[in-house]
C-alpha cells in the first residue's frame, strides 16, 4: 500500500509516495520532497508532513 504525504505548510510542494511509511521513516521523507514554491528538487522543505491519503 502506498501512502501519500504532503508538507503541512506548503501546498505547492510536490506530493510524495512512500511505500509502507513508518514514524522511523518520516525524517527521510524530506529527501523526496520537490521543494517549496520554486519546486527546486535540490531544496528540501523543512515543514512537518501530514497524511493526505
N, C-alpha and C. Protein backbone atom coordinates (compact mmCIF):
# COMPACT_ATOMS: atom_id res chain seq x y z
N UNK A 1 0.84 -1.19 0.00
CA UNK A 1 0.00 0.00 0.00
C UNK A 1 0.88 1.25 0.00
N UNK A 2 0.54 2.19 -0.89
CA UNK A 2 1.30 3.42 -0.96
C UNK A 2 0.52 4.54 -0.29
N UNK A 3 1.18 5.27 0.58
CA UNK A 3 0.56 6.38 1.28
C UNK A 3 1.23 7.67 0.82
N UNK A 4 0.42 8.67 0.51
CA UNK A 4 0.97 9.93 0.06
C UNK A 4 1.05 10.90 1.24
N UNK A 5 2.13 11.68 1.26
CA UNK A 5 2.33 12.67 2.32
C UNK A 5 2.55 14.02 1.66
N UNK A 6 2.07 15.07 2.31
CA UNK A 6 2.25 16.41 1.78
C UNK A 6 2.75 17.31 2.90
N UNK A 7 3.64 18.22 2.56
CA UNK A 7 4.15 19.16 3.55
C UNK A 7 2.99 19.97 4.11
N UNK A 8 2.88 20.04 5.43
CA UNK A 8 1.73 20.66 6.07
C UNK A 8 1.58 22.14 5.73
N UNK A 9 2.68 22.84 5.56
CA UNK A 9 2.62 24.29 5.36
C UNK A 9 2.86 24.71 3.92
N UNK A 10 3.11 23.75 3.04
CA UNK A 10 3.47 24.10 1.65
C UNK A 10 2.59 23.36 0.66
N UNK A 11 1.40 23.87 0.38
CA UNK A 11 0.51 23.19 -0.56
C UNK A 11 1.08 23.11 -1.97
N UNK A 12 2.08 23.94 -2.25
CA UNK A 12 2.68 23.94 -3.57
C UNK A 12 3.74 22.84 -3.70
N UNK A 13 4.06 22.18 -2.60
CA UNK A 13 5.13 21.19 -2.62
C UNK A 13 4.68 19.91 -3.30
N UNK A 14 5.58 19.27 -3.99
CA UNK A 14 5.29 18.04 -4.70
C UNK A 14 4.87 16.95 -3.72
N UNK A 15 3.83 16.21 -4.08
CA UNK A 15 3.38 15.11 -3.23
C UNK A 15 4.38 13.97 -3.28
N UNK A 16 4.41 13.21 -2.20
CA UNK A 16 5.37 12.13 -2.07
C UNK A 16 4.64 10.81 -1.87
N UNK A 17 5.06 9.81 -2.60
CA UNK A 17 4.53 8.47 -2.39
C UNK A 17 5.59 7.63 -1.70
N UNK A 18 5.23 7.07 -0.56
CA UNK A 18 6.17 6.28 0.22
C UNK A 18 5.56 4.92 0.50
N UNK A 19 6.30 3.88 0.25
CA UNK A 19 5.80 2.53 0.46
C UNK A 19 5.89 2.17 1.94
N UNK A 20 4.72 1.88 2.53
CA UNK A 20 4.66 1.49 3.94
C UNK A 20 5.46 2.42 4.85
N UNK A 21 5.10 3.70 4.90
CA UNK A 21 5.83 4.63 5.76
C UNK A 21 5.63 4.30 7.23
N UNK A 22 6.63 4.60 8.02
CA UNK A 22 6.54 4.40 9.45
C UNK A 22 7.10 5.65 10.13
N UNK A 23 6.83 5.85 11.41
CA UNK A 23 7.39 7.02 12.10
C UNK A 23 8.90 7.11 11.97
N UNK A 24 9.57 5.97 11.87
CA UNK A 24 11.02 5.99 11.75
C UNK A 24 11.46 6.47 10.38
N UNK A 25 10.60 6.31 9.38
CA UNK A 25 10.99 6.69 8.02
C UNK A 25 10.65 8.14 7.71
N UNK A 26 9.81 8.77 8.55
CA UNK A 26 9.38 10.13 8.26
C UNK A 26 10.52 11.13 8.14
N UNK A 27 11.57 11.08 8.98
CA UNK A 27 12.64 12.06 8.82
C UNK A 27 13.33 11.99 7.47
N UNK A 28 13.19 10.86 6.79
CA UNK A 28 13.85 10.69 5.49
C UNK A 28 12.99 11.22 4.34
N UNK A 29 11.74 11.56 4.64
CA UNK A 29 10.84 11.99 3.58
C UNK A 29 11.30 13.28 2.91
N UNK A 30 12.05 14.11 3.64
CA UNK A 30 12.48 15.37 3.04
C UNK A 30 13.38 15.13 1.83
N UNK A 31 13.94 13.94 1.73
CA UNK A 31 14.78 13.62 0.57
C UNK A 31 13.94 13.51 -0.70
N UNK A 32 12.64 13.30 -0.53
CA UNK A 32 11.77 13.09 -1.67
C UNK A 32 10.92 14.31 -2.01
N UNK A 33 10.91 15.30 -1.13
CA UNK A 33 10.08 16.48 -1.36
C UNK A 33 10.66 17.31 -2.50
N UNK A 34 9.80 17.80 -3.36
CA UNK A 34 10.26 18.51 -4.54
C UNK A 34 10.76 19.92 -4.27
N UNK A 35 10.46 20.46 -3.11
CA UNK A 35 10.94 21.80 -2.79
C UNK A 35 9.78 22.77 -2.61
N UNK A 36 10.03 23.84 -1.88
CA UNK A 36 8.99 24.80 -1.54
C UNK A 36 8.87 25.89 -2.59
N UNK A 37 7.67 26.08 -3.12
CA UNK A 37 7.32 27.12 -4.08
C UNK A 37 8.09 27.03 -5.39
N UNK A 38 9.40 27.15 -5.36
CA UNK A 38 10.18 27.13 -6.59
C UNK A 38 10.27 25.73 -7.17
N UNK A 39 9.88 24.73 -6.38
CA UNK A 39 9.94 23.34 -6.80
C UNK A 39 11.35 22.93 -7.25
N UNK A 40 12.32 23.45 -6.57
CA UNK A 40 13.71 23.08 -6.85
C UNK A 40 13.97 21.71 -6.23
N UNK A 41 14.30 20.71 -7.04
CA UNK A 41 14.49 19.35 -6.50
C UNK A 41 15.65 19.25 -5.51
N UNK A 42 16.51 20.25 -5.49
CA UNK A 42 17.63 20.21 -4.56
C UNK A 42 17.33 20.94 -3.26
N UNK A 43 16.14 21.56 -3.19
CA UNK A 43 15.77 22.28 -1.97
C UNK A 43 14.82 21.44 -1.15
N UNK A 44 15.12 21.29 0.12
CA UNK A 44 14.28 20.49 1.00
C UNK A 44 13.32 21.41 1.76
N UNK A 45 12.10 20.92 1.89
CA UNK A 45 11.13 21.66 2.71
C UNK A 45 11.29 21.16 4.14
N UNK A 46 11.30 22.08 5.11
CA UNK A 46 11.53 21.69 6.50
C UNK A 46 10.24 21.64 7.30
N UNK A 47 9.09 21.84 6.64
CA UNK A 47 7.82 21.81 7.34
C UNK A 47 7.43 20.38 7.68
N UNK A 48 6.55 20.21 8.69
CA UNK A 48 6.10 18.86 9.07
C UNK A 48 5.22 18.27 7.97
N UNK A 49 5.09 16.96 7.99
CA UNK A 49 4.31 16.27 6.99
C UNK A 49 2.94 15.89 7.54
N UNK A 50 1.94 15.90 6.65
CA UNK A 50 0.61 15.45 7.03
C UNK A 50 0.17 14.37 6.06
N UNK A 51 -0.58 13.41 6.57
CA UNK A 51 -1.04 12.32 5.72
C UNK A 51 -2.25 12.80 4.92
N UNK A 52 -2.24 12.59 3.61
CA UNK A 52 -3.33 13.07 2.78
C UNK A 52 -4.13 11.94 2.15
N UNK A 53 -3.65 10.73 2.23
CA UNK A 53 -4.41 9.60 1.70
C UNK A 53 -3.85 8.30 2.26
